[in-house]
Amino acid sequence: MASIARSTDVLGGEPRIEGTRIGVLDVYELVVAGEYSPADVADQLDCSIADVYTALAYYHEHPEEMRTVRRDREEMKSKLADE
């Protein structure tokens, strides 16, 4: 079964599916905001459906951390837009 990893040298330390560069927030946004089924997301990202559900579970189990990740991404986008 998949697990979630964090390391500063991959995705800036964001939580991701271990062994990949697939971020938990990216999976969540595809399934919830993008309205894709977990099976479609697994197919698109070339990972297992278990990986998708693990990422979704992590997202829901760590709401404060995921709010921080989302805020950090928005700040980075804003900073890049200002350059």
PDB file of N, CA and C in Angstrom:
ATOM      1  N   MET A   1       0.846  -1.189   0.000  1.00  0.00           N
ATOM      2  CA  MET A   1       0.000   0.000   0.000  1.00  0.00           C
ATOM      3  C   MET A   1       0.884   1.243   0.000  1.00  0.00           C
ATOM      4  N   ALA A   2       0.388   2.260  -0.647  1.00  0.00           N
ATOM      5  CA  ALA A   2       1.119   3.516  -0.764  1.00  0.00           C
ATOM      6  C   ALA A   2       1.221   4.218   0.581  1.00  0.00           C
ATOM      7  N   SER A   3       2.231   5.043   0.688  1.00  0.00           N
ATOM      8  CA  SER A   3       2.345   5.893   1.868  1.00  0.00           C
ATOM      9  C   SER A   3       2.684   7.303   1.399  1.00  0.00           C
ATOM     10  N   ILE A   4       2.576   8.232   2.324  1.00  0.00           N
ATOM     11  CA  ILE A   4       2.841   9.628   2.017  1.00  0.00           C
ATOM     12  C   ILE A   4       4.212   9.995   2.563  1.00  0.00           C
ATOM     13  N   ALA A   5       4.974  10.719   1.753  1.00  0.00           N
ATOM     14  CA  ALA A   5       6.330  11.117   2.138  1.00  0.00           C
ATOM     15  C   ALA A   5       6.465  12.626   2.009  1.00  0.00           C
ATOM     16  N   ARG A   6       7.458  13.149   2.703  1.00  0.00           N
ATOM     17  CA  ARG A   6       7.833  14.566   2.595  1.00  0.00           C
ATOM     18  C   ARG A   6       9.347  14.629   2.602  1.00  0.00           C
ATOM     19  N   SER A   7       9.897  15.393   1.698  1.00  0.00           N
ATOM     20  CA  SER A   7      11.327  15.664   1.714  1.00  0.00           C
ATOM     21  C   SER A   7      11.540  17.017   1.041  1.00  0.00           C
ATOM     22  N   THR A   8      12.434  17.795   1.595  1.00  0.00           N
ATOM     23  CA  THR A   8      12.624  19.167   1.127  1.00  0.00           C
ATOM     24  C   THR A   8      13.078  19.246  -0.327  1.00  0.00           C
ATOM     25  N   ASP A   9      13.700  18.187  -0.836  1.00  0.00           N
ATOM     26  CA  ASP A   9      14.222  18.224  -2.196  1.00  0.00           C
ATOM     27  C   ASP A   9      13.215  17.773  -3.254  1.00  0.00           C
ATOM     28  N   VAL A  10      12.005  17.399  -2.844  1.00  0.00           N
ATOM     29  CA  VAL A  10      10.969  16.988  -3.794  1.00  0.00           C
ATOM     30  C   VAL A  10       9.698  17.783  -3.503  1.00  0.00           C
ATOM     31  N   LEU A  11       9.200  18.483  -4.499  1.00  0.00           N
ATOM     32  CA  LEU A  11       7.990  19.311  -4.386  1.00  0.00           C
ATOM     33  C   LEU A  11       8.074  20.327  -3.259  1.00  0.00           C
ATOM     34  N   GLY A  12       9.245  20.774  -2.962  1.00  0.00           N
ATOM     35  CA  GLY A  12       9.407  21.791  -1.921  1.00  0.00           C
ATOM     36  C   GLY A  12       8.990  21.333  -0.543  1.00  0.00           C
ATOM     37  N   GLY A  13       8.977  20.033  -0.332  1.00  0.00           N
ATOM     38  CA  GLY A  13       8.606  19.501   0.979  1.00  0.00           C
ATOM     39  C   GLY A  13       7.128  19.220   1.150  1.00  0.00           C
ATOM     40  N   GLU A  14       6.336  19.452   0.104  1.00  0.00           N
ATOM     41  CA  GLU A  14       4.905  19.146   0.199  1.00  0.00           C
ATOM     42  C   GLU A  14       4.707  17.638   0.347  1.00  0.00           C
ATOM     43  N   PRO A  15       3.634  17.225   1.037  1.00  0.00           N
ATOM     44  CA  PRO A  15       3.353  15.792   1.130  1.00  0.00           C
ATOM     45  C   PRO A  15       3.012  15.243  -0.255  1.00  0.00           C
ATOM     46  N   ARG A  16       3.518  14.052  -0.528  1.00  0.00           N
ATOM     47  CA  ARG A  16       3.351  13.437  -1.848  1.00  0.00           C
ATOM     48  C   ARG A  16       3.259  11.929  -1.695  1.00  0.00           C
ATOM     49  N   ILE A  17       2.814  11.281  -2.738  1.00  0.00           N
ATOM     50  CA  ILE A  17       2.791   9.827  -2.751  1.00  0.00           C
ATOM     51  C   ILE A  17       4.238   9.358  -2.820  1.00  0.00           C
ATOM     52  N   GLU A  18       4.616   8.525  -1.864  1.00  0.00           N
ATOM     53  CA  GLU A  18       6.004   8.083  -1.766  1.00  0.00           C
ATOM     54  C   GLU A  18       6.473   7.452  -3.072  1.00  0.00           C
ATOM     55  N   GLY A  19       7.696   7.811  -3.465  1.00  0.00           N
ATOM     56  CA  GLY A  19       8.288   7.276  -4.684  1.00  0.00           C
ATOM     57  C   GLY A  19       7.850   8.005  -5.944  1.00  0.00           C
ATOM     58  N   THR A  20       7.086   9.083  -5.774  1.00  0.00           N
ATOM     59  CA  THR A  20       6.601   9.848  -6.926  1.00  0.00           C
ATOM     60  C   THR A  20       6.772  11.343  -6.655  1.00  0.00           C
ATOM     61  N   ARG A  21       6.407  12.133  -7.642  1.00  0.00           N
ATOM     62  CA  ARG A  21       6.337  13.584  -7.487  1.00  0.00           C
ATOM     63  C   ARG A  21       4.871  14.028  -7.549  1.00  0.00           C
ATOM     64  N   ILE A  22       3.981  13.148  -7.141  1.00  0.00           N
ATOM     65  CA  ILE A  22       2.547  13.423  -7.160  1.00  0.00           C
ATOM     66  C   ILE A  22       2.139  13.950  -5.790  1.00  0.00           C
ATOM     67  N   GLY A  23       1.779  15.228  -5.743  1.00  0.00           N
ATOM     68  CA  GLY A  23       1.417  15.861  -4.489  1.00  0.00           C
ATOM     69  C   GLY A  23       0.022  15.488  -4.021  1.00  0.00           C
ATOM     70  N   VAL A  24      -0.129  15.404  -2.705  1.00  0.00           N
ATOM     71  CA  VAL A  24      -1.435  15.130  -2.102  1.00  0.00           C
ATOM     72  C   VAL A  24      -2.446  16.189  -2.542  1.00  0.00           C
ATOM     73  N   LEU A  25      -2.050  17.450  -2.502  1.00  0.00           N
ATOM     74  CA  LEU A  25      -2.961  18.523  -2.893  1.00  0.00           C
ATOM     75  C   LEU A  25      -3.355  18.401  -4.360  1.00  0.00           C
ATOM     76  N   ASP A  26      -2.431  17.981  -5.211  1.00  0.00           N
ATOM     77  CA  ASP A  26      -2.736  17.809  -6.632  1.00  0.00           C
ATOM     78  C   ASP A  26      -3.806  16.735  -6.831  1.00  0.00           C
ATOM     79  N   VAL A  27      -3.673  15.629  -6.111  1.00  0.00           N
ATOM     80  CA  VAL A  27      -4.657  14.553  -6.212  1.00  0.00           C
ATOM     81  C   VAL A  27      -6.019  15.059  -5.744  1.00  0.00           C
ATOM     82  N   TYR A  28      -6.028  15.723  -4.593  1.00  0.00           N
ATOM     83  CA  TYR A  28      -7.280  16.253  -4.058  1.00  0.00           C
ATOM     84  C   TYR A  28      -7.953  17.195  -5.063  1.00  0.00           C
ATOM     85  N   GLU A  29      -7.172  18.096  -5.635  1.00  0.00           N
ATOM     86  CA  GLU A  29      -7.746  19.071  -6.560  1.00  0.00           C
ATOM     87  C   GLU A  29      -8.292  18.410  -7.824  1.00  0.00           C
ATOM     88  N   LEU A  30      -7.657  17.366  -8.297  1.00  0.00           N
ATOM     89  CA  LEU A  30      -8.170  16.668  -9.467  1.00  0.00           C
ATOM     90  C   LEU A  30      -9.488  15.959  -9.167  1.00  0.00           C
ATOM     91  N   VAL A  31      -9.557  15.318  -8.007  1.00  0.00           N
ATOM     92  CA  VAL A  31     -10.760  14.553  -7.666  1.00  0.00           C
ATOM     93  C   VAL A  31     -11.897  15.478  -7.252  1.00  0.00           C
ATOM     94  N   VAL A  32     -11.617  16.432  -6.391  1.00  0.00           N
ATOM     95  CA  VAL A  32     -12.687  17.257  -5.846  1.00  0.00           C
ATOM     96  C   VAL A  32     -12.986  18.454  -6.750  1.00  0.00           C
ATOM     97  N   ALA A  33     -11.994  19.275  -7.014  1.00  0.00           N
ATOM     98  CA  ALA A  33     -12.224  20.472  -7.830  1.00  0.00           C
ATOM     99  C   ALA A  33     -12.344  20.116  -9.309  1.00  0.00           C
ATOM    100  N   GLY A  34     -11.572  19.149  -9.755  1.00  0.00           N
ATOM    101  CA  GLY A  34     -11.597  18.752 -11.157  1.00  0.00           C
ATOM    102  C   GLY A  34     -12.715  17.788 -11.489  1.00  0.00           C
ATOM    103  N   GLU A  35     -13.341  17.257 -10.447  1.00  0.00           N
ATOM    104  CA  GLU A  35     -14.465  16.344 -10.589  1.00  0.00           C
ATOM    105  C   GLU A  35     -14.134  15.095 -11.401  1.00  0.00           C
ATOM    106  N   TYR A  36     -12.896  14.629 -11.302  1.00  0.00           N
ATOM    107  CA  TYR A  36     -12.521  13.368 -11.917  1.00  0.00           C
ATOM    108  C   TYR A  36     -12.731  12.253 -10.904  1.00  0.00           C
ATOM    109  N   SER A  37     -13.013  11.082 -11.376  1.00  0.00           N
ATOM    110  CA  SER A  37     -13.147   9.948 -10.461  1.00  0.00           C
ATOM    111  C   SER A  37     -11.753   9.535  -9.997  1.00  0.00           C
ATOM    112  N   PRO A  38     -11.658   8.914  -8.826  1.00  0.00           N
ATOM    113  CA  PRO A  38     -10.351   8.419  -8.380  1.00  0.00           C
ATOM    114  C   PRO A  38      -9.700   7.490  -9.410  1.00  0.00           C
ATOM    115  N   ALA A  39     -10.496   6.676 -10.085  1.00  0.00           N
ATOM    116  CA  ALA A  39      -9.937   5.774 -11.100  1.00  0.00           C
ATOM    117  C   ALA A  39      -9.349   6.567 -12.268  1.00  0.00           C
ATOM    118  N   ASP A  40     -10.047   7.625 -12.696  1.00  0.00           N
ATOM    119  CA  ASP A  40      -9.520   8.469 -13.780  1.00  0.00           C
ATOM    120  C   ASP A  40      -8.223   9.157 -13.367  1.00  0.00           C
ATOM    121  N   VAL A  41      -8.169   9.645 -12.130  1.00  0.00           N
ATOM    122  CA  VAL A  41      -6.957  10.304 -11.635  1.00  0.00           C
ATOM    123  C   VAL A  41      -5.801   9.314 -11.587  1.00  0.00           C
ATOM    124  N   ALA A  42      -6.050   8.122 -11.104  1.00  0.00           N
ATOM    125  CA  ALA A  42      -5.002   7.097 -11.071  1.00  0.00           C
ATOM    126  C   ALA A  42      -4.471   6.834 -12.473  1.00  0.00           C
ATOM    127  N   ASP A  43      -5.375   6.749 -13.434  1.00  0.00           N
ATOM    128  CA  ASP A  43      -4.975   6.514 -14.821  1.00  0.00           C
ATOM    129  C   ASP A  43      -4.177   7.694 -15.360  1.00  0.00           C
ATOM    130  N   GLN A  44      -4.642   8.921 -15.115  1.00  0.00           N
ATOM    131  CA  GLN A  44      -3.955  10.123 -15.601  1.00  0.00           C
ATOM    132  C   GLN A  44      -2.554  10.255 -15.022  1.00  0.00           C
ATOM    133  N   LEU A  45      -2.416   9.922 -13.734  1.00  0.00           N
ATOM    134  CA  LEU A  45      -1.134  10.118 -13.049  1.00  0.00           C
ATOM    135  C   LEU A  45      -0.257   8.873 -13.045  1.00  0.00           C
ATOM    136  N   ASP A  46      -0.735   7.821 -13.681  1.00  0.00           N
ATOM    137  CA  ASP A  46       0.007   6.560 -13.757  1.00  0.00           C
ATOM    138  C   ASP A  46       0.382   6.046 -12.367  1.00  0.00           C
ATOM    139  N   CYS A  47      -0.623   5.990 -11.510  1.00  0.00           N
ATOM    140  CA  CYS A  47      -0.433   5.433 -10.176  1.00  0.00           C
ATOM    141  C   CYS A  47      -1.618   4.518  -9.880  1.00  0.00           C
ATOM    142  N   SER A  48      -1.588   3.865  -8.751  1.00  0.00           N
ATOM    143  CA  SER A  48      -2.687   2.961  -8.420  1.00  0.00           C
ATOM    144  C   SER A  48      -3.841   3.718  -7.788  1.00  0.00           C
ATOM    145  N   ILE A  49      -5.002   3.121  -7.840  1.00  0.00           N
ATOM    146  CA  ILE A  49      -6.154   3.732  -7.193  1.00  0.00           C
ATOM    147  C   ILE A  49      -5.936   3.779  -5.683  1.00  0.00           C
ATOM    148  N   ALA A  50      -5.180   2.819  -5.151  1.00  0.00           N
ATOM    149  CA  ALA A  50      -4.833   2.843  -3.721  1.00  0.00           C
ATOM    150  C   ALA A  50      -4.007   4.082  -3.399  1.00  0.00           C
ATOM    151  N   ASP A  51      -3.104   4.469  -4.296  1.00  0.00           N
ATOM    152  CA  ASP A  51      -2.311   5.691  -4.111  1.00  0.00           C
ATOM    153  C   ASP A  51      -3.233   6.913  -4.025  1.00  0.00           C
ATOM    154  N   VAL A  52      -4.216   6.963  -4.904  1.00  0.00           N
ATOM    155  CA  VAL A  52      -5.151   8.090  -4.927  1.00  0.00           C
ATOM    156  C   VAL A  52      -5.919   8.153  -3.610  1.00  0.00           C
ATOM    157  N   TYR A  53      -6.445   7.028  -3.168  1.00  0.00           N
ATOM    158  CA  TYR A  53      -7.206   7.021  -1.915  1.00  0.00           C
ATOM    159  C   TYR A  53      -6.321   7.320  -0.706  1.00  0.00           C
ATOM    160  N   THR A  54      -5.080   6.881  -0.741  1.00  0.00           N
ATOM    161  CA  THR A  54      -4.149   7.203   0.342  1.00  0.00           C
ATOM    162  C   THR A  54      -3.920   8.707   0.401  1.00  0.00           C
ATOM    163  N   ALA A  55      -3.726   9.331  -0.762  1.00  0.00           N
ATOM    164  CA  ALA A  55      -3.526  10.780  -0.808  1.00  0.00           C
ATOM    165  C   ALA A  55      -4.775  11.519  -0.325  1.00  0.00           C
ATOM    166  N   LEU A  56      -5.951  11.066  -0.738  1.00  0.00           N
ATOM    167  CA  LEU A  56      -7.189  11.706  -0.294  1.00  0.00           C
ATOM    168  C   LEU A  56      -7.387  11.559   1.210  1.00  0.00           C
ATOM    169  N   ALA A  57      -7.073  10.387   1.733  1.00  0.00           N
ATOM    170  CA  ALA A  57      -7.199  10.166   3.181  1.00  0.00           C
ATOM    171  C   ALA A  57      -6.238  11.087   3.927  1.00  0.00           C
ATOM    172  N   TYR A  58      -5.011  11.193   3.431  1.00  0.00           N
ATOM    173  CA  TYR A  58      -4.032  12.068   4.074  1.00  0.00           C
ATOM    174  C   TYR A  58      -4.532  13.508   4.076  1.00  0.00           C
ATOM    175  N   TYR A  59      -5.060  13.950   2.949  1.00  0.00           N
ATOM    176  CA  TYR A  59      -5.582  15.309   2.849  1.00  0.00           C
ATOM    177  C   TYR A  59      -6.623  15.566   3.944  1.00  0.00           C
ATOM    178  N   HIS A  60      -7.549  14.651   4.101  1.00  0.00           N
ATOM    179  CA  HIS A  60      -8.631  14.836   5.075  1.00  0.00           C
ATOM    180  C   HIS A  60      -8.179  14.647   6.518  1.00  0.00           C
ATOM    181  N   GLU A  61      -7.133  13.866   6.724  1.00  0.00           N
ATOM    182  CA  GLU A  61      -6.621  13.630   8.077  1.00  0.00           C
ATOM    183  C   GLU A  61      -5.694  14.741   8.559  1.00  0.00           C
ATOM    184  N   HIS A  62      -5.232  15.603   7.661  1.00  0.00           N
ATOM    185  CA  HIS A  62      -4.279  16.668   7.993  1.00  0.00           C
ATOM    186  C   HIS A  62      -4.758  18.012   7.446  1.00  0.00           C
ATOM    187  N   PRO A  63      -5.940  18.465   7.865  1.00  0.00           N
ATOM    188  CA  PRO A  63      -6.498  19.694   7.269  1.00  0.00           C
ATOM    189  C   PRO A  63      -5.647  20.940   7.490  1.00  0.00           C
ATOM    190  N   GLU A  64      -5.060  21.086   8.655  1.00  0.00           N
ATOM    191  CA  GLU A  64      -4.245  22.278   8.930  1.00  0.00           C
ATOM    192  C   GLU A  64      -3.001  22.301   8.044  1.00  0.00           C
ATOM    193  N   GLU A  65      -2.346  21.170   7.928  1.00  0.00           N
ATOM    194  CA  GLU A  65      -1.166  21.067   7.067  1.00  0.00           C
ATOM    195  C   GLU A  65      -1.530  21.373   5.611  1.00  0.00           C
ATOM    196  N   MET A  66      -2.660  20.865   5.160  1.00  0.00           N
ATOM    197  CA  MET A  66      -3.051  21.083   3.768  1.00  0.00           C
ATOM    198  C   MET A  66      -3.444  22.539   3.523  1.00  0.00           C
ATOM    199  N   ARG A  67      -4.025  23.205   4.520  1.00  0.00           N
ATOM    200  CA  ARG A  67      -4.291  24.642   4.382  1.00  0.00           C
ATOM    201  C   ARG A  67      -2.988  25.408   4.235  1.00  0.00           C
ATOM    202  N   THR A  68      -1.974  24.996   4.983  1.00  0.00           N
ATOM    203  CA  THR A  68      -0.658  25.637   4.896  1.00  0.00           C
ATOM    204  C   THR A  68      -0.040  25.414   3.517  1.00  0.00           C
ATOM    205  N   VAL A  69      -0.132  24.205   3.004  1.00  0.00           N
ATOM    206  CA  VAL A  69       0.405  23.895   1.674  1.00  0.00           C
ATOM    207  C   VAL A  69      -0.298  24.752   0.627  1.00  0.00           C
ATOM    208  N   ARG A  70      -1.606  24.837   0.716  1.00  0.00           N
ATOM    209  CA  ARG A  70      -2.381  25.631  -0.239  1.00  0.00           C
ATOM    210  C   ARG A  70      -1.990  27.111  -0.150  1.00  0.00           C
ATOM    211  N   ARG A  71      -1.863  27.634   1.075  1.00  0.00           N
ATOM    212  CA  ARG A  71      -1.476  29.035   1.269  1.00  0.00           C
ATOM    213  C   ARG A  71      -0.077  29.284   0.709  1.00  0.00           C
ATOM    214  N   ASP A  72       0.858  28.371   0.977  1.00  0.00           N
ATOM    215  CA  ASP A  72       2.226  28.528   0.468  1.00  0.00           C
ATOM    216  C   ASP A  72       2.259  28.538  -1.052  1.00  0.00           C
ATOM    217  N   ARG A  73       1.458  27.687  -1.670  1.00  0.00           N
ATOM    218  CA  ARG A  73       1.391  27.670  -3.142  1.00  0.00           C
ATOM    219  C   ARG A  73       0.862  28.996  -3.678  1.00  0.00           C
ATOM    220  N   GLU A  74      -0.183  29.507  -3.044  1.00  0.00           N
ATOM    221  CA  GLU A  74      -0.770  30.773  -3.489  1.00  0.00           C
ATOM    222  C   GLU A  74       0.233  31.919  -3.334  1.00  0.00           C
ATOM    223  N   GLU A  75       0.967  31.914  -2.236  1.00  0.00           N
ATOM    224  CA  GLU A  75       1.987  32.954  -2.021  1.00  0.00           C
ATOM    225  C   GLU A  75       3.071  32.865  -3.085  1.00  0.00           C
ATOM    226  N   MET A  76       3.467  31.645  -3.439  1.00  0.00           N
ATOM    227  CA  MET A  76       4.503  31.467  -4.454  1.00  0.00           C
ATOM    228  C   MET A  76       3.989  31.930  -5.817  1.00  0.00           C
ATOM    229  N   LYS A  77       2.758  31.601  -6.161  1.00  0.00           N
ATOM    230  CA  LYS A  77       2.178  32.064  -7.416  1.00  0.00           C
ATOM    231  C   LYS A  77       2.128  33.576  -7.478  1.00  0.00           C
ATOM    232  N   SER A  78       1.733  34.183  -6.379  1.00  0.00           N
ATOM    233  CA  SER A  78       1.648  35.640  -6.311  1.00  0.00           C
ATOM    234  C   SER A  78       3.028  36.276  -6.473  1.00  0.00           C
ATOM    235  N   LYS A  79       3.997  35.685  -5.812  1.00  0.00           N
ATOM    236  CA  LYS A  79       5.369  36.200  -5.883  1.00  0.00           C
ATOM    237  C   LYS A  79       5.899  36.091  -7.306  1.00  0.00           C
ATOM    238  N   LEU A  80       5.644  34.964  -7.969  1.00  0.00           N
ATOM    239  CA  LEU A  80       6.111  34.775  -9.338  1.00  0.00           C
ATOM    240  C   LEU A  80       5.415  35.731 -10.300  1.00  0.00           C
ATOM    241  N   ALA A  81       4.147  36.004 -10.054  1.00  0.00           N
ATOM    242  CA  ALA A  81       3.391  36.930 -10.903  1.00  0.00           C
ATOM    243  C   ALA A  81       3.911  38.354 -10.783  1.00  0.00           C
ATOM    244  N   ASP A  82       4.446  38.691  -9.610  1.00  0.00           N
ATOM    245  CA  ASP A  82       4.958  40.039  -9.374  1.00  0.00           C
ATOM    246  C   ASP A  82       6.328  40.266 -10.002  1.00  0.00           C
ATOM    247  N   GLU A  83       7.024  39.200 -10.345  1.00  0.00           N
ATOM    248  CA  GLU A  83       8.370  39.347 -10.906  1.00  0.00           C
ATOM    249  C   GLU A  83       8.372  39.760 -12.338  1.00  0.00           C
TER     250      GLU A  83
END
